[in-house]
Amino acid sequence: MIIRIEPDSDIPIYQQITNQIIEGIARGSIQPGDSLPSVRAFAADLGVNMHTVNKSYHQLENKGIIRIAPKSGAVISSPQDFNASASDKLKEAFKPLIAESIVIGMSNEQIQELVTSIMEDLRKSNKHLK
């Protein structure tokens, strides 16, 4: 798993880590049941503070994307582990982005095309890994 940190980005480092782990799962380079590195090891590999990685892991746990178990560490959840509340959380996360898209003048079709394009990009990456 390759995580690229952009220190000059407006996106906080913990969020960059979270986003890239989620994208890795979507692309298939990280599979359900895979373990993530320990917080200490991951922080050392990335050259960031342990608290930064810990914050990312807890954010992923709150989203239900990983489970953190004592002595087992952080493990990627399987899609069956997600429930209706995960869908509700995503709906709430999408609302501001879709509202912004409407405000800047995008049509329903343009928004749908954008979402479809992103999904296709993620799926293409997934096919290249297999």
Protein backbone atom coordinates (compact mmCIF):
# COMPACT_ATOMS: atom_id res chain seq x y z
CA MET A 1 0.00 0.00 0.00
CA ILE A 2 1.52 3.28 -1.09
CA ILE A 3 0.37 6.43 0.66
CA ARG A 4 1.59 9.77 -0.65
CA ILE A 5 1.48 12.64 1.80
CA GLU A 6 1.33 16.15 0.41
CA PRO A 7 2.48 18.38 3.30
CA ASP A 8 1.56 21.59 1.43
CA SER A 9 -2.01 20.43 0.73
CA ASP A 10 -5.01 22.15 2.29
CA ILE A 11 -6.25 18.65 3.21
CA PRO A 12 -5.03 17.61 6.68
CA ILE A 13 -2.54 14.74 6.68
CA TYR A 14 -4.84 12.43 8.67
CA GLN A 15 -7.55 13.00 6.04
CA GLN A 16 -5.10 12.31 3.21
CA ILE A 17 -4.27 8.98 4.86
CA THR A 18 -7.95 8.16 5.37
CA ASN A 19 -8.85 9.06 1.78
CA GLN A 20 -6.02 7.03 0.29
CA ILE A 21 -6.85 3.95 2.36
CA ILE A 22 -10.48 4.19 1.23
CA GLU A 23 -9.39 4.59 -2.40
CA GLY A 24 -7.04 1.61 -2.02
CA ILE A 25 -9.97 -0.51 -0.87
CA ALA A 26 -12.18 0.77 -3.71
CA ARG A 27 -9.45 -0.05 -6.24
CA GLY A 28 -8.94 -3.50 -4.78
CA SER A 29 -5.31 -3.03 -3.72
CA ILE A 30 -6.46 -3.45 -0.11
CA GLN A 31 -8.90 -6.31 0.51
CA PRO A 32 -11.45 -6.98 3.25
CA GLY A 33 -9.69 -8.92 6.00
CA ASP A 34 -6.30 -7.32 5.28
CA SER A 35 -4.53 -5.82 8.27
CA LEU A 36 -3.21 -2.29 8.21
CA PRO A 37 0.24 -1.58 9.66
CA SER A 38 0.43 -0.72 13.34
CA VAL A 39 0.00 2.97 14.11
CA ARG A 40 3.63 3.22 15.22
CA ALA A 41 5.03 1.44 12.13
CA PHE A 42 2.79 3.33 9.69
CA ALA A 43 3.69 6.69 11.24
CA ALA A 44 7.39 5.85 10.97
CA ASP A 45 7.01 4.74 7.33
CA LEU A 46 5.14 7.93 6.43
CA GLY A 47 7.32 10.22 8.53
CA VAL A 48 4.33 11.61 10.43
CA ASN A 49 3.28 11.77 14.06
CA MET A 50 1.66 8.64 15.54
CA HIS A 51 -1.35 10.71 16.60
CA THR A 52 -1.96 11.61 12.94
CA VAL A 53 -2.18 7.95 11.90
CA ASN A 54 -4.22 7.15 15.02
CA LYS A 55 -6.72 9.89 14.09
CA SER A 56 -7.01 8.45 10.58
CA TYR A 57 -7.59 4.92 11.91
CA HIS A 58 -10.27 6.11 14.31
CA GLN A 59 -11.97 8.02 11.51
CA LEU A 60 -11.97 4.83 9.41
CA GLU A 61 -13.31 2.87 12.37
CA ASN A 62 -16.12 5.40 12.91
CA LYS A 63 -17.07 4.99 9.25
CA GLY A 64 -17.11 1.21 9.70
CA ILE A 65 -14.35 0.73 7.13
CA ILE A 66 -11.98 -0.91 9.59
CA ARG A 67 -12.31 -2.66 12.92
CA ILE A 68 -9.69 -2.14 15.56
CA ALA A 69 -9.15 -5.15 17.79
CA PRO A 70 -6.68 -5.41 20.64
CA LYS A 71 -3.58 -7.38 19.59
CA SER A 72 -5.00 -7.85 16.06
CA GLY A 73 -4.71 -4.21 15.06
CA ALA A 74 -6.71 -2.53 12.33
CA VAL A 75 -8.45 -4.89 9.90
CA ILE A 76 -10.40 -3.92 6.77
CA SER A 77 -14.12 -4.66 7.19
CA SER A 78 -16.02 -6.67 4.62
CA PRO A 79 -18.88 -5.05 2.67
CA GLN A 80 -21.36 -7.26 4.56
CA ASP A 81 -20.33 -5.48 7.77
CA PHE A 82 -21.83 -2.21 6.56
CA ASN A 83 -25.35 -1.31 7.59
CA ALA A 84 -28.03 1.23 6.71
CA SER A 85 -26.43 3.88 8.90
CA ALA A 86 -23.33 3.78 6.66
CA SER A 87 -25.56 4.64 3.71
CA ASP A 88 -27.18 7.47 5.68
CA LYS A 89 -23.74 8.87 6.59
CA LEU A 90 -22.69 8.81 2.94
CA LYS A 91 -25.89 10.56 1.93
CA GLU A 92 -25.13 13.34 4.40
CA ALA A 93 -21.53 13.58 3.15
CA PHE A 94 -22.68 13.81 -0.49
CA LYS A 95 -25.27 16.56 0.17
CA PRO A 96 -22.84 19.50 0.43
CA LEU A 97 -20.90 18.35 -2.65
CA ILE A 98 -24.04 17.93 -4.72
CA ALA A 99 -25.39 21.26 -3.45
CA GLU A 100 -22.10 22.92 -4.48
CA SER A 101 -22.37 21.29 -7.90
CA ILE A 102 -25.85 22.72 -8.34
CA VAL A 103 -24.75 26.17 -7.12
CA ILE A 104 -21.93 26.31 -9.71
CA GLY A 105 -24.46 25.47 -12.42
CA MET A 106 -23.97 21.78 -13.09
CA SER A 107 -26.99 19.95 -14.46
CA ASN A 108 -28.28 16.66 -13.05
CA GLU A 109 -26.77 14.93 -16.06
CA GLN A 110 -23.35 16.54 -15.52
CA ILE A 111 -23.37 15.51 -11.85
CA GLN A 112 -24.33 11.95 -12.77
CA GLU A 113 -21.63 11.84 -15.47
CA LEU A 114 -19.04 13.06 -12.96
CA VAL A 115 -20.00 10.37 -10.44
CA THR A 116 -19.99 7.71 -13.16
CA SER A 117 -16.57 8.88 -14.35
CA ILE A 118 -15.11 8.61 -10.84
CA MET A 119 -16.58 5.14 -10.38
CA GLU A 120 -15.15 4.02 -13.74
CA ASP A 121 -11.71 5.37 -12.82
CA LEU A 122 -11.75 3.41 -9.57
CA ARG A 123 -12.92 0.25 -11.30
CA LYS A 124 -10.27 0.57 -14.06
CA SER A 125 -7.58 0.75 -11.37
CA ASN A 126 -9.09 -2.34 -9.78
CA LYS A 127 -8.90 -4.33 -13.05
CA HIS A 128 -5.23 -3.43 -13.54
CA LEU A 129 -4.40 -4.94 -10.16
CA LYS A 130 -5.87 -8.37 -10.95
